[in-house]
């Protein structure tokens, strides 16, 4: 299917999606797929490029790390029937999803869709360390400007390539939330590249202007195209929604004991002395939800660990094991200092 005209009305654009997914059913008549027809890239400066596997390899997509815990990708990767509707429910993904960034694998715990275009933010179970997130562009590219597109999808000769690939594309039209592009030197966006970063280089620094959304798959492995057909692609702009990205791609609160991105409450409760003379203290948590806090849950009790004096305890929270969930630390006065830590599970 050719990339459709950017002069189509928006409702039509959002329904007719030639998505770049690794799934035969979602690609309609196109056979299963996974990358960009272009050069294999070992450029460390593209380490923020993510590879996403949805379900048991039902779909394959690409993305861009925009903060240590968040990947920006295409909503069509998670829509139930993207050929008809790009709607994606906020919350946990419908199918188990794993993102690989900088060689590190992370489960995707939460989706935050934009709603107005083919964009969704995916929260990772733990932050990715040692990879610098990509900067967000503040202005749209101009027609004729060259951009670099990266992805983990199919190539001209490989069904499931091991390497990330890149290609150069010239901007043809900027229309609302869409960016139309034409491949140069044989570059083409293929199945599995959906959500991959579309980049502009300014003073030697790459910035994210869009993510890949759809294309006509010219030159992609397993796709027959008439000789002379231009490789066309459409990307979802990011530059004009950077405020939405930065407002949502935030660090999980250190007091998020439930792993859902909300701040929860922890209470160290003084139970007084038991019949055996031992001091009793318990840790209770109240997890936050859309309509308020849930019932308190006792997660620890000093009855299992001997006497514990509440008045000698100073409680604080933080993510001490780097798993993206809030943990609890207690500075306890024994006449000297002690630092017990309880990790969320």
C-alpha atoms as a PDB file:
ATOM      1  CA  UNK A   1       0.000   0.000   0.000  1.00  0.00           C
ATOM      2  CA  UNK A   2       1.393   3.394  -0.931  1.00  0.00           C
ATOM      3  CA  UNK A   3       1.807   6.055   1.718  1.00  0.00           C
ATOM      4  CA  UNK A   4      -1.371   8.041   1.445  1.00  0.00           C
ATOM      5  CA  UNK A   5      -1.597  11.670   0.451  1.00  0.00           C
ATOM      6  CA  UNK A   6      -1.083  14.147   3.268  1.00  0.00           C
ATOM      7  CA  UNK A   7      -3.962  16.193   1.875  1.00  0.00           C
ATOM      8  CA  UNK A   8      -6.467  13.557   3.113  1.00  0.00           C
ATOM      9  CA  UNK A   9      -8.718  14.816   5.928  1.00  0.00           C
ATOM     10  CA  UNK A  10      -7.461  13.841   9.405  1.00  0.00           C
ATOM     11  CA  UNK A  11     -10.166  11.294  10.355  1.00  0.00           C
ATOM     12  CA  UNK A  12      -9.373   9.446   7.127  1.00  0.00           C
ATOM     13  CA  UNK A  13      -5.647   9.560   7.902  1.00  0.00           C
ATOM     14  CA  UNK A  14      -6.127   8.102  11.345  1.00  0.00           C
ATOM     15  CA  UNK A  15      -8.215   5.199  10.074  1.00  0.00           C
ATOM     16  CA  UNK A  16      -6.270   4.220   6.951  1.00  0.00           C
ATOM     17  CA  UNK A  17      -2.926   3.193   8.374  1.00  0.00           C
ATOM     18  CA  UNK A  18      -0.363   1.239   6.392  1.00  0.00           C
ATOM     19  CA  UNK A  19       1.328   0.318   9.656  1.00  0.00           C
ATOM     20  CA  UNK A  20       4.913  -0.849   9.869  1.00  0.00           C
ATOM     21  CA  UNK A  21       4.333  -3.819  12.160  1.00  0.00           C
ATOM     22  CA  UNK A  22       5.756  -7.342  12.262  1.00  0.00           C
ATOM     23  CA  UNK A  23       2.368  -9.053  11.863  1.00  0.00           C
ATOM     24  CA  UNK A  24       0.635 -10.508   8.799  1.00  0.00           C
ATOM     25  CA  UNK A  25      -2.888  -9.905  10.092  1.00  0.00           C
ATOM     26  CA  UNK A  26      -2.190  -6.295  10.925  1.00  0.00           C
ATOM     27  CA  UNK A  27      -0.478  -5.675   7.630  1.00  0.00           C
ATOM     28  CA  UNK A  28      -3.444  -7.127   5.799  1.00  0.00           C
ATOM     29  CA  UNK A  29      -2.082  -8.619   2.564  1.00  0.00           C
ATOM     30  CA  UNK A  30       1.538  -8.030   3.498  1.00  0.00           C
ATOM     31  CA  UNK A  31       3.429 -11.053   4.806  1.00  0.00           C
ATOM     32  CA  UNK A  32       4.848 -11.149   8.354  1.00  0.00           C
ATOM     33  CA  UNK A  33       7.742  -8.841   8.947  1.00  0.00           C
ATOM     34  CA  UNK A  34      10.045  -7.293  11.295  1.00  0.00           C
ATOM     35  CA  UNK A  35      13.990  -2.916   9.066  1.00  0.00           C
ATOM     36  CA  UNK A  36      14.909   0.001   7.438  1.00  0.00           C
ATOM     37  CA  UNK A  37      16.464  -0.475   4.002  1.00  0.00           C
ATOM     38  CA  UNK A  38      19.723   1.365   4.607  1.00  0.00           C
ATOM     39  CA  UNK A  39      23.151   0.962   6.138  1.00  0.00           C
ATOM     40  CA  UNK A  40      23.719  -1.070   9.311  1.00  0.00           C
ATOM     41  CA  UNK A  41      24.629   1.368  12.068  1.00  0.00           C
ATOM     42  CA  UNK A  42      26.957   0.893  15.034  1.00  0.00           C
ATOM     43  CA  UNK A  43      26.895   4.625  15.804  1.00  0.00           C
ATOM     44  CA  UNK A  44      26.964   4.932  19.607  1.00  0.00           C
ATOM     45  CA  UNK A  45      25.153   8.237  19.223  1.00  0.00           C
ATOM     46  CA  UNK A  46      22.050   6.263  18.210  1.00  0.00           C
ATOM     47  CA  UNK A  47      22.054   4.130  21.339  1.00  0.00           C
ATOM     48  CA  UNK A  48      18.688   5.603  22.331  1.00  0.00           C
ATOM     49  CA  UNK A  49      17.014   3.652  19.494  1.00  0.00           C
ATOM     50  CA  UNK A  50      14.805   0.969  21.026  1.00  0.00           C
ATOM     51  CA  UNK A  51      13.603  -2.388  19.744  1.00  0.00           C
ATOM     52  CA  UNK A  52      10.170  -3.494  20.968  1.00  0.00           C
ATOM     53  CA  UNK A  53       8.691  -6.979  20.861  1.00  0.00           C
ATOM     54  CA  UNK A  54       4.950  -7.102  21.536  1.00  0.00           C
ATOM     55  CA  UNK A  55       3.476 -10.392  22.749  1.00  0.00           C
ATOM     56  CA  UNK A  56       5.095 -13.611  21.605  1.00  0.00           C
ATOM     57  CA  UNK A  57       6.647 -11.828  18.615  1.00  0.00           C
ATOM     58  CA  UNK A  58       3.180 -10.955  17.279  1.00  0.00           C
ATOM     59  CA  UNK A  59       4.504  -7.492  16.483  1.00  0.00           C
ATOM     60  CA  UNK A  60       7.906  -5.882  16.211  1.00  0.00           C
ATOM     61  CA  UNK A  61       8.474  -2.119  16.440  1.00  0.00           C
ATOM     62  CA  UNK A  62      11.140   0.480  17.084  1.00  0.00           C
ATOM     63  CA  UNK A  63      11.238   3.483  19.400  1.00  0.00           C
ATOM     64  CA  UNK A  64      13.345   6.204  21.002  1.00  0.00           C
ATOM     65  CA  UNK A  65      14.412   6.544  24.634  1.00  0.00           C
ATOM     66  CA  UNK A  66      13.278  10.041  25.670  1.00  0.00           C
ATOM     67  CA  UNK A  67      14.028   9.682  29.393  1.00  0.00           C
ATOM     68  CA  UNK A  68      15.667   6.879  31.422  1.00  0.00           C
ATOM     69  CA  UNK A  69      12.260   5.237  32.050  1.00  0.00           C
ATOM     70  CA  UNK A  70      10.277   6.107  28.919  1.00  0.00           C
ATOM     71  CA  UNK A  71      10.347   5.122  25.240  1.00  0.00           C
ATOM     72  CA  UNK A  72       8.407   7.106  22.634  1.00  0.00           C
ATOM     73  CA  UNK A  73       7.022   4.951  19.835  1.00  0.00           C
ATOM     74  CA  UNK A  74       4.039   4.600  17.495  1.00  0.00           C
ATOM     75  CA  UNK A  75       0.570   4.023  18.961  1.00  0.00           C
ATOM     76  CA  UNK A  76      -0.119   1.678  16.034  1.00  0.00           C
ATOM     77  CA  UNK A  77       2.279  -0.816  17.651  1.00  0.00           C
ATOM     78  CA  UNK A  78      -0.256  -1.352  20.448  1.00  0.00           C
ATOM     79  CA  UNK A  79      -3.625  -0.632  18.793  1.00  0.00           C
ATOM     80  CA  UNK A  80      -5.795  -3.750  18.607  1.00  0.00           C
ATOM     81  CA  UNK A  81      -6.699  -3.102  14.944  1.00  0.00           C
ATOM     82  CA  UNK A  82      -4.461  -0.268  13.736  1.00  0.00           C
ATOM     83  CA  UNK A  83      -5.709  -0.533  10.167  1.00  0.00           C
ATOM     84  CA  UNK A  84      -9.061   0.733  11.456  1.00  0.00           C
ATOM     85  CA  UNK A  85      -8.324   2.652  14.654  1.00  0.00           C
ATOM     86  CA  UNK A  86      -5.206   3.925  16.427  1.00  0.00           C
ATOM     87  CA  UNK A  87      -6.867   4.104  19.847  1.00  0.00           C
ATOM     88  CA  UNK A  88      -4.743   2.656  22.657  1.00  0.00           C
ATOM     89  CA  UNK A  89      -6.042   2.411  26.240  1.00  0.00           C
ATOM     90  CA  UNK A  90      -3.873   4.081  28.860  1.00  0.00           C
ATOM     91  CA  UNK A  91      -2.353   1.691  31.377  1.00  0.00           C
ATOM     92  CA  UNK A  92      -0.658  -1.669  31.069  1.00  0.00           C
ATOM     93  CA  UNK A  93      -0.204  -2.973  27.496  1.00  0.00           C
ATOM     94  CA  UNK A  94      -2.681  -5.612  26.332  1.00  0.00           C
ATOM     95  CA  UNK A  95       0.169  -8.005  25.475  1.00  0.00           C
ATOM     96  CA  UNK A  96       3.451  -8.453  27.307  1.00  0.00           C
ATOM     97  CA  UNK A  97       5.968  -6.096  25.723  1.00  0.00           C
ATOM     98  CA  UNK A  98       9.761  -6.024  26.054  1.00  0.00           C
ATOM     99  CA  UNK A  99      11.947  -3.085  25.005  1.00  0.00           C
ATOM    100  CA  UNK A 100      15.671  -3.422  24.345  1.00  0.00           C
ATOM    101  CA  UNK A 101      17.750  -0.250  24.622  1.00  0.00           C
ATOM    102  CA  UNK A 102      21.537  -0.153  24.722  1.00  0.00           C
ATOM    103  CA  UNK A 103      21.603  -3.934  25.077  1.00  0.00           C
ATOM    104  CA  UNK A 104      19.391  -3.784  28.194  1.00  0.00           C
ATOM    105  CA  UNK A 105      15.969  -5.462  28.186  1.00  0.00           C
ATOM    106  CA  UNK A 106      13.088  -3.882  30.074  1.00  0.00           C
ATOM    107  CA  UNK A 107       9.446  -4.889  30.368  1.00  0.00           C
ATOM    108  CA  UNK A 108       6.938  -2.206  29.383  1.00  0.00           C
ATOM    109  CA  UNK A 109       4.666  -1.522  32.356  1.00  0.00           C
ATOM    110  CA  UNK A 110       2.450   1.340  31.196  1.00  0.00           C
ATOM    111  CA  UNK A 111       1.290   3.108  28.031  1.00  0.00           C
ATOM    112  CA  UNK A 112       0.350   6.782  27.771  1.00  0.00           C
ATOM    113  CA  UNK A 113      -1.121   7.485  24.306  1.00  0.00           C
ATOM    114  CA  UNK A 114      -1.168  10.946  22.795  1.00  0.00           C
ATOM    115  CA  UNK A 115      -4.635  10.376  21.360  1.00  0.00           C
ATOM    116  CA  UNK A 116      -4.360  12.840  18.489  1.00  0.00           C
ATOM    117  CA  UNK A 117      -1.647  11.146  16.424  1.00  0.00           C
ATOM    118  CA  UNK A 118       0.339   7.952  16.055  1.00  0.00           C
ATOM    119  CA  UNK A 119       2.332   8.417  19.284  1.00  0.00           C
ATOM    120  CA  UNK A 120       2.492   6.608  22.611  1.00  0.00           C
ATOM    121  CA  UNK A 121       4.859   6.740  25.575  1.00  0.00           C
ATOM    122  CA  UNK A 122       5.886   3.385  27.069  1.00  0.00           C
ATOM    123  CA  UNK A 123       7.104   3.269  30.681  1.00  0.00           C
ATOM    124  CA  UNK A 124       9.858   0.770  31.387  1.00  0.00           C
ATOM    125  CA  UNK A 125       9.990  -1.413  34.482  1.00  0.00           C
ATOM    126  CA  UNK A 126      13.403  -0.029  35.397  1.00  0.00           C
ATOM    127  CA  UNK A 127      15.402   2.959  34.157  1.00  0.00           C
ATOM    128  CA  UNK A 128      18.002   2.347  31.442  1.00  0.00           C
ATOM    129  CA  UNK A 129      21.444   3.341  32.680  1.00  0.00           C
ATOM    130  CA  UNK A 130      24.379   4.394  30.514  1.00  0.00           C
ATOM    131  CA  UNK A 131      22.291   5.555  27.526  1.00  0.00           C
ATOM    132  CA  UNK A 132      21.673   9.250  26.901  1.00  0.00           C
ATOM    133  CA  UNK A 133      18.032   9.880  25.925  1.00  0.00           C
ATOM    134  CA  UNK A 134      17.477  11.676  22.632  1.00  0.00           C
ATOM    135  CA  UNK A 135      16.804  15.423  22.726  1.00  0.00           C
ATOM    136  CA  UNK A 136      13.436  16.666  21.452  1.00  0.00           C
ATOM    137  CA  UNK A 137      13.282  19.113  18.548  1.00  0.00           C
ATOM    138  CA  UNK A 138      11.538  22.425  19.164  1.00  0.00           C
ATOM    139  CA  UNK A 139      10.695  23.263  15.534  1.00  0.00           C
ATOM    140  CA  UNK A 140       9.399  21.415  12.496  1.00  0.00           C
ATOM    141  CA  UNK A 141      11.794  20.522   9.692  1.00  0.00           C
ATOM    142  CA  UNK A 142      11.530  22.411   6.418  1.00  0.00           C
ATOM    143  CA  UNK A 143      10.570  20.894   3.078  1.00  0.00           C
ATOM    144  CA  UNK A 144      13.681  19.609   1.343  1.00  0.00           C
ATOM    145  CA  UNK A 145      15.591  19.079   4.576  1.00  0.00           C
ATOM    146  CA  UNK A 146      17.411  15.760   4.988  1.00  0.00           C
ATOM    147  CA  UNK A 147      16.587  13.641   8.040  1.00  0.00           C
ATOM    148  CA  UNK A 148      18.017  10.384   9.393  1.00  0.00           C
ATOM    149  CA  UNK A 149      15.605   7.551  10.158  1.00  0.00           C
ATOM    150  CA  UNK A 150      16.683   4.649  12.382  1.00  0.00           C
ATOM    151  CA  UNK A 151      14.936   1.356  13.090  1.00  0.00           C
ATOM    152  CA  UNK A 152      15.127  -2.341  13.837  1.00  0.00           C
ATOM    153  CA  UNK A 153      12.766  -3.507  11.102  1.00  0.00           C
ATOM    154  CA  UNK A 154      13.206  -5.509   7.921  1.00  0.00           C
ATOM    155  CA  UNK A 155      15.876  -4.692   5.341  1.00  0.00           C
ATOM    156  CA  UNK A 156      16.069  -5.427   1.629  1.00  0.00           C
ATOM    157  CA  UNK A 157      17.779  -8.763   2.285  1.00  0.00           C
ATOM    158  CA  UNK A 158      16.970  -9.697   5.893  1.00  0.00           C
ATOM    159  CA  UNK A 159      13.679 -10.751   7.432  1.00  0.00           C
ATOM    160  CA  UNK A 160      14.831 -10.263  11.049  1.00  0.00           C
ATOM    161  CA  UNK A 161      18.096  -8.291  11.066  1.00  0.00           C
ATOM    162  CA  UNK A 162      20.277  -8.289  14.158  1.00  0.00           C
ATOM    163  CA  UNK A 163      21.559  -4.753  13.651  1.00  0.00           C
ATOM    164  CA  UNK A 164      19.948  -1.339  13.751  1.00  0.00           C
ATOM    165  CA  UNK A 165      19.809   0.330  10.310  1.00  0.00           C
ATOM    166  CA  UNK A 166      19.596   3.934   9.198  1.00  0.00           C
ATOM    167  CA  UNK A 167      18.618   5.772   6.037  1.00  0.00           C
ATOM    168  CA  UNK A 168      18.412   9.333   4.744  1.00  0.00           C
ATOM    169  CA  UNK A 169      15.046  10.853   3.841  1.00  0.00           C
ATOM    170  CA  UNK A 170      14.115  14.221   2.382  1.00  0.00           C
ATOM    171  CA  UNK A 171      11.105  16.055   3.805  1.00  0.00           C
ATOM    172  CA  UNK A 172       8.453  16.574   1.133  1.00  0.00           C
ATOM    173  CA  UNK A 173       5.487  17.976   3.084  1.00  0.00           C
ATOM    174  CA  UNK A 174       4.755  19.031   6.680  1.00  0.00           C
ATOM    175  CA  UNK A 175       1.001  18.770   7.205  1.00  0.00           C
ATOM    176  CA  UNK A 176      -0.423  19.173  10.716  1.00  0.00           C
ATOM    177  CA  UNK A 177       0.840  16.295  12.853  1.00  0.00           C
ATOM    178  CA  UNK A 178       2.253  14.408   9.855  1.00  0.00           C
ATOM    179  CA  UNK A 179       5.612  14.592   8.160  1.00  0.00           C
ATOM    180  CA  UNK A 180       5.861  13.149   4.624  1.00  0.00           C
ATOM    181  CA  UNK A 181       9.292  11.985   3.453  1.00  0.00           C
ATOM    182  CA  UNK A 182      10.965  10.430   0.433  1.00  0.00           C
ATOM    183  CA  UNK A 183      13.867   7.974   0.708  1.00  0.00           C
ATOM    184  CA  UNK A 184      17.277   8.844  -0.747  1.00  0.00           C
ATOM    185  CA  UNK A 185      19.951   6.472  -2.083  1.00  0.00           C
ATOM    186  CA  UNK A 186      17.659   3.451  -1.815  1.00  0.00           C
ATOM    187  CA  UNK A 187      16.475   4.104   1.755  1.00  0.00           C
ATOM    188  CA  UNK A 188      13.010   2.838   2.655  1.00  0.00           C
ATOM    189  CA  UNK A 189      11.027   2.465   5.878  1.00  0.00           C
ATOM    190  CA  UNK A 190       9.937  -1.177   6.365  1.00  0.00           C
ATOM    191  CA  UNK A 191       7.827  -3.356   8.618  1.00  0.00           C
ATOM    192  CA  UNK A 192       9.201  -3.271  12.163  1.00  0.00           C
ATOM    193  CA  UNK A 193      10.406   0.332  11.861  1.00  0.00           C
ATOM    194  CA  UNK A 194       7.155   1.780  13.236  1.00  0.00           C
ATOM    195  CA  UNK A 195       7.964   4.133  16.110  1.00  0.00           C
ATOM    196  CA  UNK A 196      11.621   4.476  15.108  1.00  0.00           C
ATOM    197  CA  UNK A 197      13.283   7.877  15.552  1.00  0.00           C
ATOM    198  CA  UNK A 198      13.304  10.447  12.755  1.00  0.00           C
ATOM    199  CA  UNK A 199      16.257  12.710  13.494  1.00  0.00           C
ATOM    200  CA  UNK A 200      17.680  16.078  12.534  1.00  0.00           C
ATOM    201  CA  UNK A 201      21.310  16.999  13.193  1.00  0.00           C
ATOM    202  CA  UNK A 202      21.976  20.531  14.441  1.00  0.00           C
ATOM    203  CA  UNK A 203      25.566  21.573  15.233  1.00  0.00           C
ATOM    204  CA  UNK A 204      26.535  17.912  15.491  1.00  0.00           C
ATOM    205  CA  UNK A 205      23.717  17.101  17.920  1.00  0.00           C
ATOM    206  CA  UNK A 206      20.821  14.816  16.987  1.00  0.00           C
ATOM    207  CA  UNK A 207      17.289  15.785  17.934  1.00  0.00           C
ATOM    208  CA  UNK A 208      14.023  13.914  17.548  1.00  0.00           C
ATOM    209  CA  UNK A 209      11.552  15.560  15.152  1.00  0.00           C
ATOM    210  CA  UNK A 210       9.168  12.616  14.558  1.00  0.00           C
ATOM    211  CA  UNK A 211       8.697   8.840  14.772  1.00  0.00           C
ATOM    212  CA  UNK A 212       8.020   6.535  11.824  1.00  0.00           C
ATOM    213  CA  UNK A 213       4.347   5.757  11.281  1.00  0.00           C
ATOM    214  CA  UNK A 214       3.695   4.210   7.838  1.00  0.00           C
ATOM    215  CA  UNK A 215       5.190   3.746   4.371  1.00  0.00           C
ATOM    216  CA  UNK A 216       4.739   2.046   1.002  1.00  0.00           C
ATOM    217  CA  UNK A 217       7.486  -0.536   1.828  1.00  0.00           C
ATOM    218  CA  UNK A 218       9.386  -0.101  -1.446  1.00  0.00           C
ATOM    219  CA  UNK A 219      12.486  -2.306  -1.496  1.00  0.00           C
ATOM    220  CA  UNK A 220      11.610  -4.154   1.712  1.00  0.00           C
ATOM    221  CA  UNK A 221      12.302  -7.889   1.844  1.00  0.00           C
ATOM    222  CA  UNK A 222       9.317  -9.859   0.571  1.00  0.00           C
ATOM    223  CA  UNK A 223       7.527  -6.833  -0.945  1.00  0.00           C
ATOM    224  CA  UNK A 224       7.165  -6.474  -4.710  1.00  0.00           C
ATOM    225  CA  UNK A 225       7.074  -2.908  -6.069  1.00  0.00           C
ATOM    226  CA  UNK A 226       6.890  -1.597  -9.604  1.00  0.00           C
ATOM    227  CA  UNK A 227      10.260  -0.511 -10.943  1.00  0.00           C
ATOM    228  CA  UNK A 228      10.859   3.189 -10.397  1.00  0.00           C
ATOM    229  CA  UNK A 229       8.404   3.495  -7.478  1.00  0.00           C
ATOM    230  CA  UNK A 230       9.645   6.097  -5.016  1.00  0.00           C
ATOM    231  CA  UNK A 231      10.099   5.045  -1.377  1.00  0.00           C
ATOM    232  CA  UNK A 232       7.647   7.211   0.539  1.00  0.00           C
ATOM    233  CA  UNK A 233       6.978   7.355   4.268  1.00  0.00           C
ATOM    234  CA  UNK A 234       4.927   9.300   6.792  1.00  0.00           C
ATOM    235  CA  UNK A 235       6.076  10.083  10.337  1.00  0.00           C
ATOM    236  CA  UNK A 236       4.227  11.466  13.357  1.00  0.00           C
ATOM    237  CA  UNK A 237       5.687  14.805  14.415  1.00  0.00           C
ATOM    238  CA  UNK A 238       7.125  15.234  17.902  1.00  0.00           C
ATOM    239  CA  UNK A 239       8.433  18.812  17.839  1.00  0.00           C
ATOM    240  CA  UNK A 240       5.011  20.412  18.375  1.00  0.00           C
ATOM    241  CA  UNK A 241       4.019  18.024  21.210  1.00  0.00           C
ATOM    242  CA  UNK A 242       7.302  18.117  23.134  1.00  0.00           C
ATOM    243  CA  UNK A 243       5.469  19.634  26.132  1.00  0.00           C
ATOM    244  CA  UNK A 244       3.257  16.530  26.250  1.00  0.00           C
ATOM    245  CA  UNK A 245       6.314  14.272  26.082  1.00  0.00           C
ATOM    246  CA  UNK A 246       8.214  16.070  28.849  1.00  0.00           C
ATOM    247  CA  UNK A 247       5.128  16.302  31.086  1.00  0.00           C
ATOM    248  CA  UNK A 248       4.517  12.542  30.869  1.00  0.00           C
ATOM    249  CA  UNK A 249       7.994  11.021  30.525  1.00  0.00           C
ATOM    250  CA  UNK A 250       8.799  11.655  34.168  1.00  0.00           C
ATOM    251  CA  UNK A 251      10.654   9.597  36.726  1.00  0.00           C
ATOM    252  CA  UNK A 252       8.560   7.191  38.763  1.00  0.00           C
ATOM    253  CA  UNK A 253       8.102   8.615  42.298  1.00  0.00           C
ATOM    254  CA  UNK A 254      10.376   7.123  44.952  1.00  0.00           C
ATOM    255  CA  UNK A 255       7.204   6.376  46.925  1.00  0.00           C
ATOM    256  CA  UNK A 256       5.602   4.321  44.139  1.00  0.00           C
ATOM    257  CA  UNK A 257       5.339   0.997  45.968  1.00  0.00           C
ATOM    258  CA  UNK A 258       2.878  -0.516  43.481  1.00  0.00           C
ATOM    259  CA  UNK A 259       4.835   0.159  40.285  1.00  0.00           C
ATOM    260  CA  UNK A 260       1.968   2.016  38.583  1.00  0.00           C
ATOM    261  CA  UNK A 261       3.628   5.446  38.356  1.00  0.00           C
ATOM    262  CA  UNK A 262       1.587   6.985  41.200  1.00  0.00           C
ATOM    263  CA  UNK A 263       2.913   8.176  44.558  1.00  0.00           C
ATOM    264  CA  UNK A 264       1.727   5.931  47.385  1.00  0.00           C
ATOM    265  CA  UNK A 265       1.795   6.349  51.164  1.00  0.00           C
ATOM    266  CA  UNK A 266       3.831   4.357  53.645  1.00  0.00           C
ATOM    267  CA  UNK A 267       3.148   4.524  57.399  1.00  0.00           C
ATOM    268  CA  UNK A 268       5.359   3.170  60.191  1.00  0.00           C
ATOM    269  CA  UNK A 269       2.856   2.364  62.926  1.00  0.00           C
ATOM    270  CA  UNK A 270       3.660   2.252  66.643  1.00  0.00           C
ATOM    271  CA  UNK A 271       2.036  -0.881  68.094  1.00  0.00           C
ATOM    272  CA  UNK A 272       3.288  -0.270  71.617  1.00  0.00           C
ATOM    273  CA  UNK A 273       4.524  -3.081  73.824  1.00  0.00           C
ATOM    274  CA  UNK A 274       3.321  -6.648  73.524  1.00  0.00           C
ATOM    275  CA  UNK A 275       2.614  -8.987  76.423  1.00  0.00           C
ATOM    276  CA  UNK A 276       6.205 -10.187  76.198  1.00  0.00           C
ATOM    277  CA  UNK A 277       7.506  -6.647  76.743  1.00  0.00           C
ATOM    278  CA  UNK A 278       8.807  -6.320  73.171  1.00  0.00           C
ATOM    279  CA  UNK A 279       8.091  -3.111  71.270  1.00  0.00           C
ATOM    280  CA  UNK A 280       5.899  -3.639  68.215  1.00  0.00           C
ATOM    281  CA  UNK A 281       6.156  -1.615  65.001  1.00  0.00           C
ATOM    282  CA  UNK A 282       4.550  -2.317  61.613  1.00  0.00           C
ATOM    283  CA  UNK A 283       4.865  -0.854  58.119  1.00  0.00           C
ATOM    284  CA  UNK A 284       1.581  -0.231  56.280  1.00  0.00           C
ATOM    285  CA  UNK A 285       1.156   1.029  52.718  1.00  0.00           C
ATOM    286  CA  UNK A 286      -1.779   2.734  51.029  1.00  0.00           C
ATOM    287  CA  UNK A 287      -1.539   2.561  47.232  1.00  0.00           C
ATOM    288  CA  UNK A 288      -2.983   5.382  45.139  1.00  0.00           C
ATOM    289  CA  UNK A 289      -5.590   4.829  42.447  1.00  0.00           C
ATOM    290  CA  UNK A 290      -7.634   6.958  40.070  1.00  0.00           C
ATOM    291  CA  UNK A 291     -10.294   7.569  42.746  1.00  0.00           C
ATOM    292  CA  UNK A 292      -8.073   7.843  45.836  1.00  0.00           C
ATOM    293  CA  UNK A 293      -6.120   5.577  48.169  1.00  0.00           C
ATOM    294  CA  UNK A 294      -6.875   1.915  48.718  1.00  0.00           C
ATOM    295  CA  UNK A 295      -7.219   0.183  52.079  1.00  0.00           C
ATOM    296  CA  UNK A 296      -4.031   0.013  54.176  1.00  0.00           C
ATOM    297  CA  UNK A 297      -2.004  -3.172  53.795  1.00  0.00           C
ATOM    298  CA  UNK A 298       0.482  -4.374  56.405  1.00  0.00           C
ATOM    299  CA  UNK A 299       3.671  -5.306  54.563  1.00  0.00           C
ATOM    300  CA  UNK A 300       6.019  -5.781  57.537  1.00  0.00           C
ATOM    301  CA  UNK A 301       5.718  -6.357  61.283  1.00  0.00           C
ATOM    302  CA  UNK A 302       8.508  -6.355  63.856  1.00  0.00           C
ATOM    303  CA  UNK A 303       6.898  -9.371  65.529  1.00  0.00           C
ATOM    304  CA  UNK A 304       8.870 -11.478  63.060  1.00  0.00           C
ATOM    305  CA  UNK A 305      12.138  -9.735  63.836  1.00  0.00           C
ATOM    306  CA  UNK A 306      12.167  -8.963  67.548  1.00  0.00           C
ATOM    307  CA  UNK A 307      11.631  -5.698  69.396  1.00  0.00           C
ATOM    308  CA  UNK A 308      11.452  -2.479  67.361  1.00  0.00           C
ATOM    309  CA  UNK A 309      10.998   0.918  68.978  1.00  0.00           C
ATOM    310  CA  UNK A 310       8.997   3.300  66.791  1.00  0.00           C
ATOM    311  CA  UNK A 311      10.336   6.411  68.553  1.00  0.00           C
ATOM    312  CA  UNK A 312      13.892   5.504  67.562  1.00  0.00           C
ATOM    313  CA  UNK A 313      13.041   5.204  63.854  1.00  0.00           C
ATOM    314  CA  UNK A 314      13.477   7.750  61.043  1.00  0.00           C
ATOM    315  CA  UNK A 315      11.761   6.583  57.829  1.00  0.00           C
ATOM    316  CA  UNK A 316      12.560   7.606  54.237  1.00  0.00           C
ATOM    317  CA  UNK A 317      11.873   6.238  50.764  1.00  0.00           C
ATOM    318  CA  UNK A 318      13.870   5.822  47.557  1.00  0.00           C
ATOM    319  CA  UNK A 319      14.554   3.353  44.774  1.00  0.00           C
ATOM    320  CA  UNK A 320      17.526   1.597  46.363  1.00  0.00           C
ATOM    321  CA  UNK A 321      17.718  -1.430  44.068  1.00  0.00           C
ATOM    322  CA  UNK A 322      17.114   0.389  40.768  1.00  0.00           C
ATOM    323  CA  UNK A 323      13.969  -1.541  39.814  1.00  0.00           C
ATOM    324  CA  UNK A 324      11.772   1.544  39.330  1.00  0.00           C
ATOM    325  CA  UNK A 325       9.710   0.914  42.486  1.00  0.00           C
ATOM    326  CA  UNK A 326       9.803   2.787  45.769  1.00  0.00           C
ATOM    327  CA  UNK A 327      11.600   1.109  48.669  1.00  0.00           C
ATOM    328  CA  UNK A 328      11.678   2.008  52.365  1.00  0.00           C
ATOM    329  CA  UNK A 329      14.704   2.758  54.517  1.00  0.00           C
ATOM    330  CA  UNK A 330      14.750   3.279  58.277  1.00  0.00           C
ATOM    331  CA  UNK A 331      17.528   4.987  60.228  1.00  0.00           C
ATOM    332  CA  UNK A 332      17.304   3.291  63.627  1.00  0.00           C
ATOM    333  CA  UNK A 333      18.939   4.550  66.826  1.00  0.00           C
ATOM    334  CA  UNK A 334      20.512   1.730  68.804  1.00  0.00           C
ATOM    335  CA  UNK A 335      22.743   4.184  70.646  1.00  0.00           C
ATOM    336  CA  UNK A 336      24.650   3.860  67.404  1.00  0.00           C
ATOM    337  CA  UNK A 337      23.106   4.022  63.918  1.00  0.00           C
ATOM    338  CA  UNK A 338      21.633   1.208  61.844  1.00  0.00           C
ATOM    339  CA  UNK A 339      20.091   1.334  58.358  1.00  0.00           C
ATOM    340  CA  UNK A 340      17.614  -1.459  57.548  1.00  0.00           C
ATOM    341  CA  UNK A 341      16.124  -1.348  54.039  1.00  0.00           C
ATOM    342  CA  UNK A 342      12.932  -2.979  52.739  1.00  0.00           C
ATOM    343  CA  UNK A 343      12.625  -3.397  48.940  1.00  0.00           C
ATOM    344  CA  UNK A 344       9.273  -3.409  47.107  1.00  0.00           C
ATOM    345  CA  UNK A 345       8.331  -6.599  45.250  1.00  0.00           C
END
